[in-house]
């Protein structure tokens, strides 16, 4: 990527982490069957990674930025 400037706000990051945690718990409890479980686990890992990096590559082409204050880093 040319420039990984943060483009995710706290609410966006929090929601992604909650969804990732719910998927991880359901996966751990064997409540979702393969291959759906594998796809959802991959999605959970992507959500967690983007939340920790504060950057979502899918936001770039759409020029989206969910930060409350655009100066957040």
Protein backbone atom coordinates (compact mmCIF):
# COMPACT_ATOMS: atom_id res chain seq x y z
CA UNK A 1 0.00 0.00 0.00
CA UNK A 2 1.22 3.46 -0.75
CA UNK A 3 0.07 5.11 2.46
CA UNK A 4 -1.45 3.36 5.46
CA UNK A 5 -2.84 6.40 7.27
CA UNK A 6 -5.40 5.48 9.96
CA UNK A 7 -8.93 5.64 8.57
CA UNK A 8 -10.98 3.87 11.27
CA UNK A 9 -12.66 5.46 14.27
CA UNK A 10 -13.05 3.95 17.72
CA UNK A 11 -16.66 2.86 17.16
CA UNK A 12 -15.75 1.09 13.92
CA UNK A 13 -12.78 -0.62 15.58
CA UNK A 14 -14.84 -1.66 18.59
CA UNK A 15 -17.60 -3.18 16.48
CA UNK A 16 -15.05 -5.14 14.45
CA UNK A 17 -13.45 -6.51 17.63
CA UNK A 18 -16.85 -7.51 19.05
CA UNK A 19 -17.81 -9.32 15.83
CA UNK A 20 -14.41 -11.05 15.75
CA UNK A 21 -14.81 -12.15 19.39
CA UNK A 22 -18.33 -13.50 18.79
CA UNK A 23 -17.14 -15.48 15.76
CA UNK A 24 -14.16 -16.82 17.75
CA UNK A 25 -16.43 -17.95 20.61
CA UNK A 26 -18.89 -19.63 18.23
CA UNK A 27 -15.97 -21.31 16.46
CA UNK A 28 -14.51 -22.49 19.77
CA UNK A 29 -17.86 -23.92 20.86
CA UNK A 30 -18.29 -25.74 17.53
CA UNK A 31 -21.57 -23.90 16.86
CA UNK A 32 -20.72 -23.30 13.20
CA UNK A 33 -19.87 -26.11 10.81
CA UNK A 34 -17.12 -26.22 8.18
CA UNK A 35 -16.61 -24.74 5.61
CA UNK A 36 -18.62 -21.81 7.00
CA UNK A 37 -16.58 -21.88 10.20
CA UNK A 38 -13.32 -21.54 8.28
CA UNK A 39 -14.61 -18.61 6.24
CA UNK A 40 -15.96 -16.83 9.32
CA UNK A 41 -12.73 -17.44 11.24
CA UNK A 42 -10.77 -15.85 8.42
CA UNK A 43 -13.18 -12.91 8.45
CA UNK A 44 -12.72 -12.59 12.23
CA UNK A 45 -8.94 -12.50 11.83
CA UNK A 46 -9.23 -9.80 9.16
CA UNK A 47 -11.59 -7.75 11.35
CA UNK A 48 -9.23 -8.01 14.32
CA UNK A 49 -6.16 -7.13 12.24
CA UNK A 50 -7.78 -4.07 10.66
CA UNK A 51 -9.07 -2.93 14.07
CA UNK A 52 -5.59 -3.11 15.61
CA UNK A 53 -3.96 -1.42 12.61
CA UNK A 54 -6.67 1.30 12.54
CA UNK A 55 -6.65 0.90 8.76
CA UNK A 56 -9.12 -0.72 6.38
CA UNK A 57 -7.86 -1.10 2.80
CA UNK A 58 -11.44 -1.29 1.48
CA UNK A 59 -12.05 2.28 2.69
CA UNK A 60 -9.30 3.71 0.46
CA UNK A 61 -10.98 3.44 -2.99
CA UNK A 62 -14.17 4.94 -1.54
CA UNK A 63 -12.26 7.69 0.31
CA UNK A 64 -13.97 6.68 3.57
CA UNK A 65 -12.73 7.76 6.97
CA UNK A 66 -14.70 6.89 10.12
CA UNK A 67 -12.46 8.70 12.60
CA UNK A 68 -14.26 11.21 14.81
CA UNK A 69 -11.45 13.73 14.46
CA UNK A 70 -9.52 13.51 11.21
CA UNK A 71 -6.30 14.36 13.06
CA UNK A 72 -6.35 11.07 15.07
CA UNK A 73 -3.25 8.99 14.57
